[in-house]
């Protein structure tokens, strides 16, 4: 439907060296064919999402301990492979979202499921609100006991609920996102598996998560690193702007060369090196040229050239004499 309201694609994010994309925003092309957008003639690079910038620097595993009413489960999280899912879990652990929740579903020889604050199996939310997409990685599979994976109600419906496998469940691959594994407390996991349940697969004895202890959170390390790098980059930009009073226009070669010459002169002055120009052209800063007898060298080369020219003239003169002496005859002597 046609509208006279002007549209804007400005996201409000500040562009820097880390979040600048290699492709444009597309505003120039869109404004060319749109009747409601303001004309845009400048092509600007797009700004990457914060998660895209942050996740490429995550190279480590995360480590969390779930302290329950029956024991402790130590988990290793694949933050370097499925960063979105792991960050969701780590945020819930750090904020106490899982505290006082219970494992509401237990199926022997299959899984134990938890992470629902309502305890019904239908509740829970992601750390950002709503749900988020699946992250399937080929080398992560439900191939052994103690695999930690996301529970969902269909594709791309991950929220807060998760489950731990009691055995290999390869049929769950590419249906549920694997994001960790149990690295400590497998004996406690065995005790949970043997607990009795009711007809709805709910444990008769409450298995409650009392607290979550986060030992390694790679996302916090990345956030601190990016904040420091951005601060250093801003300081460098401010210093450069303070030192440069004149900025050349892009593409103006004359102004760029003038600015480079001024910077070289400034550096030389700071270093205490005063360069004197002795002549124009190549080697104009070489100061020992006067040590050579340039006049003698020139005279010597001049004599060599004259003698060479004289020899060439003598050879040509002899050839001309031979041509004049030759007479035309028949071909009997051939």
C-alpha atoms as a PDB file:
ATOM      1  CA  UNK A   1       0.000   0.000   0.000  1.00  0.00           C
ATOM      2  CA  UNK A   2       1.325   3.446  -0.916  1.00  0.00           C
ATOM      3  CA  UNK A   3       2.371   5.694   1.947  1.00  0.00           C
ATOM      4  CA  UNK A   4       3.810   9.212   2.045  1.00  0.00           C
ATOM      5  CA  UNK A   5       5.775   8.441   5.182  1.00  0.00           C
ATOM      6  CA  UNK A   6       9.518   8.426   4.635  1.00  0.00           C
ATOM      7  CA  UNK A   7      11.227   5.175   5.474  1.00  0.00           C
ATOM      8  CA  UNK A   8      14.650   4.875   7.069  1.00  0.00           C
ATOM      9  CA  UNK A   9      17.010   1.912   7.262  1.00  0.00           C
ATOM     10  CA  UNK A  10      19.191   3.451   9.969  1.00  0.00           C
ATOM     11  CA  UNK A  11      19.783   0.879  12.722  1.00  0.00           C
ATOM     12  CA  UNK A  12      21.305   3.377  15.158  1.00  0.00           C
ATOM     13  CA  UNK A  13      24.492   1.306  15.535  1.00  0.00           C
ATOM     14  CA  UNK A  14      27.876   2.958  15.333  1.00  0.00           C
ATOM     15  CA  UNK A  15      30.207   1.607  12.671  1.00  0.00           C
ATOM     16  CA  UNK A  16      33.759   0.724  13.681  1.00  0.00           C
ATOM     17  CA  UNK A  17      36.648  -1.372  12.420  1.00  0.00           C
ATOM     18  CA  UNK A  18      35.172  -4.570  13.908  1.00  0.00           C
ATOM     19  CA  UNK A  19      31.561  -4.500  12.699  1.00  0.00           C
ATOM     20  CA  UNK A  20      32.042  -3.078   9.198  1.00  0.00           C
ATOM     21  CA  UNK A  21      30.788  -5.558   6.599  1.00  0.00           C
ATOM     22  CA  UNK A  22      32.309  -6.246   3.179  1.00  0.00           C
ATOM     23  CA  UNK A  23      28.959  -5.561   1.500  1.00  0.00           C
ATOM     24  CA  UNK A  24      26.834  -2.415   1.326  1.00  0.00           C
ATOM     25  CA  UNK A  25      23.552  -1.555   3.011  1.00  0.00           C
ATOM     26  CA  UNK A  26      21.740  -1.587  -0.324  1.00  0.00           C
ATOM     27  CA  UNK A  27      20.105   1.757   0.395  1.00  0.00           C
ATOM     28  CA  UNK A  28      21.342   3.370  -2.812  1.00  0.00           C
ATOM     29  CA  UNK A  29      19.812   0.647  -4.968  1.00  0.00           C
ATOM     30  CA  UNK A  30      16.605   0.565  -2.937  1.00  0.00           C
ATOM     31  CA  UNK A  31      16.116   4.328  -3.115  1.00  0.00           C
ATOM     32  CA  UNK A  32      16.532   4.243  -6.898  1.00  0.00           C
ATOM     33  CA  UNK A  33      13.378   2.172  -7.375  1.00  0.00           C
ATOM     34  CA  UNK A  34      11.415   3.204  -4.281  1.00  0.00           C
ATOM     35  CA  UNK A  35       8.773   5.930  -4.188  1.00  0.00           C
ATOM     36  CA  UNK A  36       8.822   6.383  -0.408  1.00  0.00           C
ATOM     37  CA  UNK A  37      12.543   6.349   0.425  1.00  0.00           C
ATOM     38  CA  UNK A  38      14.724   9.410   0.426  1.00  0.00           C
ATOM     39  CA  UNK A  39      17.248   9.445  -2.452  1.00  0.00           C
ATOM     40  CA  UNK A  40      20.591   7.977  -1.411  1.00  0.00           C
ATOM     41  CA  UNK A  41      23.651   8.467  -3.622  1.00  0.00           C
ATOM     42  CA  UNK A  42      26.352   7.303  -1.233  1.00  0.00           C
ATOM     43  CA  UNK A  43      27.171   3.599  -0.953  1.00  0.00           C
ATOM     44  CA  UNK A  44      27.891   2.704   2.668  1.00  0.00           C
ATOM     45  CA  UNK A  45      29.088  -0.625   4.097  1.00  0.00           C
ATOM     46  CA  UNK A  46      26.596  -2.527   6.208  1.00  0.00           C
ATOM     47  CA  UNK A  47      27.030  -2.979   9.944  1.00  0.00           C
ATOM     48  CA  UNK A  48      27.349  -6.560  11.186  1.00  0.00           C
ATOM     49  CA  UNK A  49      25.232  -7.845  14.044  1.00  0.00           C
ATOM     50  CA  UNK A  50      26.918  -7.955  17.444  1.00  0.00           C
ATOM     51  CA  UNK A  51      26.661 -11.743  17.624  1.00  0.00           C
ATOM     52  CA  UNK A  52      28.395 -12.136  14.252  1.00  0.00           C
ATOM     53  CA  UNK A  53      31.279  -9.961  15.448  1.00  0.00           C
ATOM     54  CA  UNK A  54      31.601 -11.594  18.860  1.00  0.00           C
ATOM     55  CA  UNK A  55      31.203 -15.253  17.934  1.00  0.00           C
ATOM     56  CA  UNK A  56      34.103 -15.340  15.474  1.00  0.00           C
ATOM     57  CA  UNK A  57      36.492 -14.589  18.369  1.00  0.00           C
ATOM     58  CA  UNK A  58      35.164 -17.403  20.587  1.00  0.00           C
ATOM     59  CA  UNK A  59      37.750 -20.197  20.422  1.00  0.00           C
ATOM     60  CA  UNK A  60      37.447 -21.859  23.851  1.00  0.00           C
ATOM     61  CA  UNK A  61      35.114 -24.262  25.617  1.00  0.00           C
ATOM     62  CA  UNK A  62      32.859 -23.232  28.477  1.00  0.00           C
ATOM     63  CA  UNK A  63      32.623 -25.064  31.799  1.00  0.00           C
ATOM     64  CA  UNK A  64      29.653 -25.145  34.171  1.00  0.00           C
ATOM     65  CA  UNK A  65      28.720 -27.166  37.236  1.00  0.00           C
ATOM     66  CA  UNK A  66      25.071 -27.938  38.043  1.00  0.00           C
ATOM     67  CA  UNK A  67      24.722 -28.371  41.796  1.00  0.00           C
ATOM     68  CA  UNK A  68      21.626 -30.501  42.403  1.00  0.00           C
ATOM     69  CA  UNK A  69      19.905 -31.947  45.427  1.00  0.00           C
ATOM     70  CA  UNK A  70      21.453 -35.353  44.655  1.00  0.00           C
ATOM     71  CA  UNK A  71      24.948 -34.432  43.448  1.00  0.00           C
ATOM     72  CA  UNK A  72      26.941 -32.337  41.039  1.00  0.00           C
ATOM     73  CA  UNK A  73      27.129 -32.519  37.242  1.00  0.00           C
ATOM     74  CA  UNK A  74      30.118 -30.917  35.526  1.00  0.00           C
ATOM     75  CA  UNK A  75      29.455 -29.880  31.919  1.00  0.00           C
ATOM     76  CA  UNK A  76      31.743 -28.915  29.063  1.00  0.00           C
ATOM     77  CA  UNK A  77      30.082 -26.564  26.548  1.00  0.00           C
ATOM     78  CA  UNK A  78      31.030 -26.348  22.868  1.00  0.00           C
ATOM     79  CA  UNK A  79      31.096 -22.537  22.725  1.00  0.00           C
ATOM     80  CA  UNK A  80      33.466 -22.570  19.755  1.00  0.00           C
ATOM     81  CA  UNK A  81      31.094 -24.700  17.657  1.00  0.00           C
ATOM     82  CA  UNK A  82      27.556 -23.663  18.673  1.00  0.00           C
ATOM     83  CA  UNK A  83      28.041 -20.209  20.229  1.00  0.00           C
ATOM     84  CA  UNK A  84      24.423 -19.040  20.257  1.00  0.00           C
ATOM     85  CA  UNK A  85      23.145 -22.097  22.129  1.00  0.00           C
ATOM     86  CA  UNK A  86      26.033 -22.060  24.594  1.00  0.00           C
ATOM     87  CA  UNK A  87      25.656 -18.358  25.327  1.00  0.00           C
ATOM     88  CA  UNK A  88      21.958 -18.886  26.022  1.00  0.00           C
ATOM     89  CA  UNK A  89      22.775 -21.646  28.515  1.00  0.00           C
ATOM     90  CA  UNK A  90      25.605 -19.677  30.154  1.00  0.00           C
ATOM     91  CA  UNK A  91      23.442 -16.594  30.552  1.00  0.00           C
ATOM     92  CA  UNK A  92      20.718 -18.609  32.252  1.00  0.00           C
ATOM     93  CA  UNK A  93      23.309 -20.168  34.550  1.00  0.00           C
ATOM     94  CA  UNK A  94      24.860 -16.790  35.408  1.00  0.00           C
ATOM     95  CA  UNK A  95      21.549 -15.047  36.110  1.00  0.00           C
ATOM     96  CA  UNK A  96      20.198 -17.871  38.275  1.00  0.00           C
ATOM     97  CA  UNK A  97      17.436 -18.735  35.822  1.00  0.00           C
ATOM     98  CA  UNK A  98      17.884 -22.461  36.476  1.00  0.00           C
ATOM     99  CA  UNK A  99      18.096 -22.121  40.253  1.00  0.00           C
ATOM    100  CA  UNK A 100      15.362 -24.028  42.120  1.00  0.00           C
ATOM    101  CA  UNK A 101      14.149 -25.709  38.919  1.00  0.00           C
ATOM    102  CA  UNK A 102      13.653 -29.470  38.699  1.00  0.00           C
ATOM    103  CA  UNK A 103      14.264 -32.200  36.140  1.00  0.00           C
ATOM    104  CA  UNK A 104      10.632 -32.776  35.201  1.00  0.00           C
ATOM    105  CA  UNK A 105      11.080 -35.655  32.748  1.00  0.00           C
ATOM    106  CA  UNK A 106      13.002 -38.906  33.189  1.00  0.00           C
ATOM    107  CA  UNK A 107      12.983 -41.853  30.789  1.00  0.00           C
ATOM    108  CA  UNK A 108      15.288 -44.717  31.728  1.00  0.00           C
ATOM    109  CA  UNK A 109      17.844 -45.670  29.056  1.00  0.00           C
ATOM    110  CA  UNK A 110      16.940 -42.499  27.151  1.00  0.00           C
ATOM    111  CA  UNK A 111      17.121 -38.976  28.667  1.00  0.00           C
ATOM    112  CA  UNK A 112      16.577 -36.733  31.677  1.00  0.00           C
ATOM    113  CA  UNK A 113      15.127 -33.300  30.880  1.00  0.00           C
ATOM    114  CA  UNK A 114      15.076 -30.004  32.798  1.00  0.00           C
ATOM    115  CA  UNK A 115      15.442 -26.239  32.480  1.00  0.00           C
ATOM    116  CA  UNK A 116      11.737 -25.334  32.735  1.00  0.00           C
ATOM    117  CA  UNK A 117      10.965 -22.805  35.517  1.00  0.00           C
ATOM    118  CA  UNK A 118       7.307 -23.851  35.483  1.00  0.00           C
ATOM    119  CA  UNK A 119       8.146 -27.537  35.849  1.00  0.00           C
ATOM    120  CA  UNK A 120       5.452 -28.482  33.346  1.00  0.00           C
ATOM    121  CA  UNK A 121       7.555 -29.078  30.242  1.00  0.00           C
ATOM    122  CA  UNK A 122       5.807 -26.250  28.380  1.00  0.00           C
ATOM    123  CA  UNK A 123       7.524 -23.212  29.924  1.00  0.00           C
ATOM    124  CA  UNK A 124      10.841 -21.460  29.671  1.00  0.00           C
ATOM    125  CA  UNK A 125      12.277 -18.705  27.536  1.00  0.00           C
ATOM    126  CA  UNK A 126      15.594 -17.931  25.900  1.00  0.00           C
ATOM    127  CA  UNK A 127      18.047 -15.420  27.333  1.00  0.00           C
ATOM    128  CA  UNK A 128      16.949 -12.883  24.689  1.00  0.00           C
ATOM    129  CA  UNK A 129      13.235 -13.607  24.943  1.00  0.00           C
ATOM    130  CA  UNK A 130      11.310 -15.927  22.670  1.00  0.00           C
ATOM    131  CA  UNK A 131      13.140 -18.697  20.842  1.00  0.00           C
ATOM    132  CA  UNK A 132      16.248 -18.943  18.672  1.00  0.00           C
ATOM    133  CA  UNK A 133      17.402 -21.013  15.708  1.00  0.00           C
ATOM    134  CA  UNK A 134      18.993 -24.463  15.710  1.00  0.00           C
ATOM    135  CA  UNK A 135      22.754 -24.865  15.342  1.00  0.00           C
ATOM    136  CA  UNK A 136      23.560 -28.197  13.741  1.00  0.00           C
ATOM    137  CA  UNK A 137      27.238 -29.140  13.430  1.00  0.00           C
ATOM    138  CA  UNK A 138      28.327 -32.294  11.629  1.00  0.00           C
ATOM    139  CA  UNK A 139      30.880 -33.361  14.249  1.00  0.00           C
ATOM    140  CA  UNK A 140      28.448 -33.003  17.182  1.00  0.00           C
ATOM    141  CA  UNK A 141      26.145 -35.968  17.607  1.00  0.00           C
ATOM    142  CA  UNK A 142      24.066 -37.826  20.195  1.00  0.00           C
ATOM    143  CA  UNK A 143      26.574 -40.651  19.948  1.00  0.00           C
ATOM    144  CA  UNK A 144      27.271 -41.490  23.586  1.00  0.00           C
ATOM    145  CA  UNK A 145      26.117 -41.260  27.183  1.00  0.00           C
ATOM    146  CA  UNK A 146      26.163 -37.811  28.813  1.00  0.00           C
ATOM    147  CA  UNK A 147      25.485 -35.656  25.742  1.00  0.00           C
ATOM    148  CA  UNK A 148      23.825 -32.311  26.607  1.00  0.00           C
ATOM    149  CA  UNK A 149      21.315 -31.112  24.015  1.00  0.00           C
ATOM    150  CA  UNK A 150      18.482 -28.603  23.607  1.00  0.00           C
ATOM    151  CA  UNK A 151      14.847 -29.641  23.979  1.00  0.00           C
ATOM    152  CA  UNK A 152      12.402 -28.058  21.540  1.00  0.00           C
ATOM    153  CA  UNK A 153       8.907 -28.301  20.114  1.00  0.00           C
ATOM    154  CA  UNK A 154       9.998 -28.192  16.482  1.00  0.00           C
ATOM    155  CA  UNK A 155      12.589 -26.583  14.206  1.00  0.00           C
ATOM    156  CA  UNK A 156      14.128 -23.344  15.526  1.00  0.00           C
ATOM    157  CA  UNK A 157      12.137 -23.323  18.789  1.00  0.00           C
ATOM    158  CA  UNK A 158      15.014 -23.471  21.286  1.00  0.00           C
ATOM    159  CA  UNK A 159      14.328 -21.704  24.582  1.00  0.00           C
ATOM    160  CA  UNK A 160      15.677 -22.815  27.976  1.00  0.00           C
ATOM    161  CA  UNK A 161      14.917 -26.530  28.311  1.00  0.00           C
ATOM    162  CA  UNK A 162      17.705 -29.064  27.813  1.00  0.00           C
ATOM    163  CA  UNK A 163      18.234 -32.791  28.285  1.00  0.00           C
ATOM    164  CA  UNK A 164      21.090 -35.221  29.003  1.00  0.00           C
ATOM    165  CA  UNK A 165      21.268 -38.595  27.263  1.00  0.00           C
ATOM    166  CA  UNK A 166      21.666 -41.943  29.042  1.00  0.00           C
ATOM    167  CA  UNK A 167      22.766 -43.741  25.889  1.00  0.00           C
ATOM    168  CA  UNK A 168      23.463 -43.210  22.181  1.00  0.00           C
ATOM    169  CA  UNK A 169      20.514 -41.501  20.444  1.00  0.00           C
ATOM    170  CA  UNK A 170      21.604 -40.936  16.860  1.00  0.00           C
ATOM    171  CA  UNK A 171      18.006 -40.511  15.713  1.00  0.00           C
ATOM    172  CA  UNK A 172      17.972 -37.121  17.496  1.00  0.00           C
ATOM    173  CA  UNK A 173      20.728 -35.706  15.277  1.00  0.00           C
ATOM    174  CA  UNK A 174      19.711 -32.633  13.257  1.00  0.00           C
ATOM    175  CA  UNK A 175      16.529 -32.444  15.317  1.00  0.00           C
ATOM    176  CA  UNK A 176      18.060 -31.181  18.558  1.00  0.00           C
ATOM    177  CA  UNK A 177      21.151 -28.986  18.967  1.00  0.00           C
ATOM    178  CA  UNK A 178      24.032 -30.682  20.784  1.00  0.00           C
ATOM    179  CA  UNK A 179      25.944 -28.090  22.813  1.00  0.00           C
ATOM    180  CA  UNK A 180      27.831 -29.941  25.554  1.00  0.00           C
ATOM    181  CA  UNK A 181      28.679 -33.124  27.416  1.00  0.00           C
ATOM    182  CA  UNK A 182      29.024 -34.380  30.975  1.00  0.00           C
ATOM    183  CA  UNK A 183      32.696 -34.479  32.022  1.00  0.00           C
ATOM    184  CA  UNK A 184      32.156 -35.052  35.733  1.00  0.00           C
ATOM    185  CA  UNK A 185      29.454 -36.761  37.797  1.00  0.00           C
ATOM    186  CA  UNK A 186      28.638 -39.709  35.545  1.00  0.00           C
ATOM    187  CA  UNK A 187      28.103 -41.862  38.647  1.00  0.00           C
ATOM    188  CA  UNK A 188      25.468 -39.403  39.829  1.00  0.00           C
ATOM    189  CA  UNK A 189      23.910 -39.511  36.350  1.00  0.00           C
ATOM    190  CA  UNK A 190      23.622 -43.277  36.740  1.00  0.00           C
ATOM    191  CA  UNK A 191      21.751 -42.874  40.043  1.00  0.00           C
ATOM    192  CA  UNK A 192      19.308 -40.452  38.410  1.00  0.00           C
ATOM    193  CA  UNK A 193      18.633 -42.924  35.612  1.00  0.00           C
ATOM    194  CA  UNK A 194      17.515 -45.626  38.049  1.00  0.00           C
ATOM    195  CA  UNK A 195      15.017 -43.417  39.910  1.00  0.00           C
ATOM    196  CA  UNK A 196      11.334 -44.336  39.793  1.00  0.00           C
ATOM    197  CA  UNK A 197       8.866 -42.248  37.801  1.00  0.00           C
ATOM    198  CA  UNK A 198       5.107 -41.908  37.500  1.00  0.00           C
ATOM    199  CA  UNK A 199       2.990 -42.580  34.429  1.00  0.00           C
ATOM    200  CA  UNK A 200       3.912 -39.146  33.001  1.00  0.00           C
ATOM    201  CA  UNK A 201       7.674 -39.876  33.247  1.00  0.00           C
ATOM    202  CA  UNK A 202       8.059 -37.426  36.147  1.00  0.00           C
ATOM    203  CA  UNK A 203      10.529 -38.546  38.859  1.00  0.00           C
ATOM    204  CA  UNK A 204       8.794 -39.515  42.088  1.00  0.00           C
ATOM    205  CA  UNK A 205      11.726 -38.018  43.990  1.00  0.00           C
ATOM    206  CA  UNK A 206      12.391 -34.367  43.193  1.00  0.00           C
ATOM    207  CA  UNK A 207      15.728 -33.720  41.448  1.00  0.00           C
ATOM    208  CA  UNK A 208      16.263 -30.008  41.956  1.00  0.00           C
ATOM    209  CA  UNK A 209      18.974 -27.703  40.578  1.00  0.00           C
ATOM    210  CA  UNK A 210      20.101 -25.699  43.599  1.00  0.00           C
ATOM    211  CA  UNK A 211      22.768 -23.579  41.947  1.00  0.00           C
ATOM    212  CA  UNK A 212      24.827 -23.196  38.761  1.00  0.00           C
ATOM    213  CA  UNK A 213      28.546 -22.483  39.029  1.00  0.00           C
ATOM    214  CA  UNK A 214      30.142 -20.976  35.914  1.00  0.00           C
ATOM    215  CA  UNK A 215      33.888 -21.628  35.771  1.00  0.00           C
ATOM    216  CA  UNK A 216      34.781 -20.556  32.225  1.00  0.00           C
ATOM    217  CA  UNK A 217      32.682 -18.142  30.151  1.00  0.00           C
ATOM    218  CA  UNK A 218      34.451 -17.400  26.822  1.00  0.00           C
ATOM    219  CA  UNK A 219      31.841 -14.792  25.886  1.00  0.00           C
ATOM    220  CA  UNK A 220      32.775 -12.522  28.784  1.00  0.00           C
ATOM    221  CA  UNK A 221      36.431 -12.752  27.773  1.00  0.00           C
ATOM    222  CA  UNK A 222      35.546 -11.803  24.193  1.00  0.00           C
ATOM    223  CA  UNK A 223      33.412  -8.866  25.348  1.00  0.00           C
ATOM    224  CA  UNK A 224      36.261  -7.538  27.486  1.00  0.00           C
ATOM    225  CA  UNK A 225      38.728  -7.964  24.629  1.00  0.00           C
ATOM    226  CA  UNK A 226      36.489  -6.140  22.146  1.00  0.00           C
ATOM    227  CA  UNK A 227      35.831  -3.267  24.547  1.00  0.00           C
ATOM    228  CA  UNK A 228      39.572  -2.782  25.097  1.00  0.00           C
ATOM    229  CA  UNK A 229      40.352  -2.981  21.386  1.00  0.00           C
ATOM    230  CA  UNK A 230      37.607  -0.501  20.545  1.00  0.00           C
ATOM    231  CA  UNK A 231      38.870   1.897  23.223  1.00  0.00           C
ATOM    232  CA  UNK A 232      42.432   1.659  21.889  1.00  0.00           C
ATOM    233  CA  UNK A 233      41.198   2.165  18.336  1.00  0.00           C
ATOM    234  CA  UNK A 234      39.254   5.280  19.374  1.00  0.00           C
ATOM    235  CA  UNK A 235      42.345   6.705  21.089  1.00  0.00           C
ATOM    236  CA  UNK A 236      44.442   6.124  17.961  1.00  0.00           C
ATOM    237  CA  UNK A 237      41.835   7.877  15.820  1.00  0.00           C
ATOM    238  CA  UNK A 238      41.744  10.847  18.207  1.00  0.00           C
ATOM    239  CA  UNK A 239      45.550  11.129  18.191  1.00  0.00           C
ATOM    240  CA  UNK A 240      45.676  10.992  14.402  1.00  0.00           C
ATOM    241  CA  UNK A 241      42.981  13.646  14.107  1.00  0.00           C
ATOM    242  CA  UNK A 242      44.832  15.894  16.538  1.00  0.00           C
ATOM    243  CA  UNK A 243      48.126  15.554  14.661  1.00  0.00           C
ATOM    244  CA  UNK A 244      46.653  16.094  11.193  1.00  0.00           C
ATOM    245  CA  UNK A 245      45.281  19.572  10.656  1.00  0.00           C
ATOM    246  CA  UNK A 246      44.792  19.043   6.920  1.00  0.00           C
ATOM    247  CA  UNK A 247      43.120  15.945   5.554  1.00  0.00           C
ATOM    248  CA  UNK A 248      43.464  15.261   1.826  1.00  0.00           C
ATOM    249  CA  UNK A 249      40.348  14.630  -0.162  1.00  0.00           C
ATOM    250  CA  UNK A 250      39.996  11.028  -1.327  1.00  0.00           C
ATOM    251  CA  UNK A 251      41.497  10.691  -4.793  1.00  0.00           C
ATOM    252  CA  UNK A 252      43.320  14.055  -4.719  1.00  0.00           C
ATOM    253  CA  UNK A 253      46.879  12.919  -5.427  1.00  0.00           C
ATOM    254  CA  UNK A 254      48.409  16.382  -5.127  1.00  0.00           C
ATOM    255  CA  UNK A 255      47.068  16.921  -1.624  1.00  0.00           C
ATOM    256  CA  UNK A 256      48.077  13.414  -0.565  1.00  0.00           C
ATOM    257  CA  UNK A 257      51.650  13.929  -1.789  1.00  0.00           C
ATOM    258  CA  UNK A 258      51.837  17.301  -0.055  1.00  0.00           C
ATOM    259  CA  UNK A 259      50.646  15.767   3.210  1.00  0.00           C
ATOM    260  CA  UNK A 260      53.149  12.906   2.925  1.00  0.00           C
ATOM    261  CA  UNK A 261      55.980  15.372   2.299  1.00  0.00           C
ATOM    262  CA  UNK A 262      54.945  17.402   5.332  1.00  0.00           C
ATOM    263  CA  UNK A 263      54.861  14.274   7.488  1.00  0.00           C
ATOM    264  CA  UNK A 264      58.319  13.208   6.291  1.00  0.00           C
ATOM    265  CA  UNK A 265      59.721  16.639   7.076  1.00  0.00           C
ATOM    266  CA  UNK A 266      58.141  16.506  10.503  1.00  0.00           C
ATOM    267  CA  UNK A 267      59.621  13.073  11.230  1.00  0.00           C
ATOM    268  CA  UNK A 268      63.065  14.159  10.044  1.00  0.00           C
ATOM    269  CA  UNK A 269      62.907  17.225  12.238  1.00  0.00           C
ATOM    270  CA  UNK A 270      61.920  15.143  15.243  1.00  0.00           C
ATOM    271  CA  UNK A 271      64.760  12.698  14.633  1.00  0.00           C
ATOM    272  CA  UNK A 272      67.286  15.535  14.392  1.00  0.00           C
ATOM    273  CA  UNK A 273      68.202  14.689  10.817  1.00  0.00           C
ATOM    274  CA  UNK A 274      68.524  17.700   8.522  1.00  0.00           C
ATOM    275  CA  UNK A 275      68.773  16.444   4.962  1.00  0.00           C
ATOM    276  CA  UNK A 276      70.445  18.740   2.442  1.00  0.00           C
ATOM    277  CA  UNK A 277      69.627  18.543  -1.237  1.00  0.00           C
ATOM    278  CA  UNK A 278      72.815  18.557  -3.358  1.00  0.00           C
ATOM    279  CA  UNK A 279      71.230  18.206  -6.795  1.00  0.00           C
ATOM    280  CA  UNK A 280      67.998  17.236  -8.505  1.00  0.00           C
ATOM    281  CA  UNK A 281      67.023  13.760  -9.601  1.00  0.00           C
ATOM    282  CA  UNK A 282      68.094  10.395  -8.255  1.00  0.00           C
ATOM    283  CA  UNK A 283      70.623  10.569  -5.423  1.00  0.00           C
ATOM    284  CA  UNK A 284      69.883  14.192  -4.581  1.00  0.00           C
ATOM    285  CA  UNK A 285      70.639  13.585  -0.878  1.00  0.00           C
ATOM    286  CA  UNK A 286      74.072  11.961  -1.487  1.00  0.00           C
ATOM    287  CA  UNK A 287      76.672  14.368  -0.080  1.00  0.00           C
ATOM    288  CA  UNK A 288      79.895  12.695  -1.284  1.00  0.00           C
ATOM    289  CA  UNK A 289      79.440  13.368  -4.998  1.00  0.00           C
ATOM    290  CA  UNK A 290      81.924  16.225  -4.913  1.00  0.00           C
ATOM    291  CA  UNK A 291      84.710  13.802  -3.958  1.00  0.00           C
ATOM    292  CA  UNK A 292      84.815  12.535  -7.549  1.00  0.00           C
ATOM    293  CA  UNK A 293      86.493  14.403 -10.405  1.00  0.00           C
ATOM    294  CA  UNK A 294      83.446  14.626 -12.603  1.00  0.00           C
ATOM    295  CA  UNK A 295      85.285  16.751 -15.189  1.00  0.00           C
ATOM    296  CA  UNK A 296      88.022  14.158 -15.684  1.00  0.00           C
ATOM    297  CA  UNK A 297      85.449  11.392 -15.985  1.00  0.00           C
ATOM    298  CA  UNK A 298      83.545  13.401 -18.586  1.00  0.00           C
ATOM    299  CA  UNK A 299      86.724  14.107 -20.628  1.00  0.00           C
ATOM    300  CA  UNK A 300      87.714  10.449 -20.564  1.00  0.00           C
ATOM    301  CA  UNK A 301      84.309   9.311 -21.770  1.00  0.00           C
ATOM    302  CA  UNK A 302      84.384  12.012 -24.460  1.00  0.00           C
ATOM    303  CA  UNK A 303      87.726  10.771 -25.840  1.00  0.00           C
ATOM    304  CA  UNK A 304      86.475   7.170 -25.932  1.00  0.00           C
ATOM    305  CA  UNK A 305      83.387   8.204 -27.862  1.00  0.00           C
ATOM    306  CA  UNK A 306      85.431  10.229 -30.396  1.00  0.00           C
ATOM    307  CA  UNK A 307      87.806   7.337 -31.080  1.00  0.00           C
ATOM    308  CA  UNK A 308      84.888   4.941 -31.585  1.00  0.00           C
ATOM    309  CA  UNK A 309      83.238   7.283 -34.079  1.00  0.00           C
ATOM    310  CA  UNK A 310      86.518   7.639 -36.012  1.00  0.00           C
ATOM    311  CA  UNK A 311      86.846   3.862 -36.349  1.00  0.00           C
ATOM    312  CA  UNK A 312      83.276   3.573 -37.662  1.00  0.00           C
ATOM    313  CA  UNK A 313      83.921   6.288 -40.273  1.00  0.00           C
ATOM    314  CA  UNK A 314      87.092   4.514 -41.507  1.00  0.00           C
ATOM    315  CA  UNK A 315      85.233   1.210 -41.983  1.00  0.00           C
ATOM    316  CA  UNK A 316      82.422   2.879 -43.919  1.00  0.00           C
ATOM    317  CA  UNK A 317      84.914   4.713 -46.168  1.00  0.00           C
ATOM    318  CA  UNK A 318      86.690   1.451 -47.072  1.00  0.00           C
ATOM    319  CA  UNK A 319      83.375  -0.236 -47.952  1.00  0.00           C
ATOM    320  CA  UNK A 320      82.430   2.640 -50.247  1.00  0.00           C
ATOM    321  CA  UNK A 321      85.750   2.356 -52.114  1.00  0.00           C
ATOM    322  CA  UNK A 322      85.231  -1.367 -52.697  1.00  0.00           C
ATOM    323  CA  UNK A 323      81.761  -0.775 -54.100  1.00  0.00           C
ATOM    324  CA  UNK A 324      83.036   1.846 -56.545  1.00  0.00           C
ATOM    325  CA  UNK A 325      85.780  -0.465 -57.846  1.00  0.00           C
ATOM    326  CA  UNK A 326      83.411  -3.408 -58.542  1.00  0.00           C
ATOM    327  CA  UNK A 327      82.355  -3.931 -62.199  1.00  0.00           C
ATOM    328  CA  UNK A 328      79.403  -5.778 -63.661  1.00  0.00           C
ATOM    329  CA  UNK A 329      80.310  -8.997 -65.543  1.00  0.00           C
ATOM    330  CA  UNK A 330      78.528 -12.100 -66.684  1.00  0.00           C
ATOM    331  CA  UNK A 331      77.833 -15.009 -64.383  1.00  0.00           C
ATOM    332  CA  UNK A 332      80.458 -17.351 -65.790  1.00  0.00           C
ATOM    333  CA  UNK A 333      82.645 -16.973 -62.746  1.00  0.00           C
ATOM    334  CA  UNK A 334      79.859 -18.025 -60.402  1.00  0.00           C
END
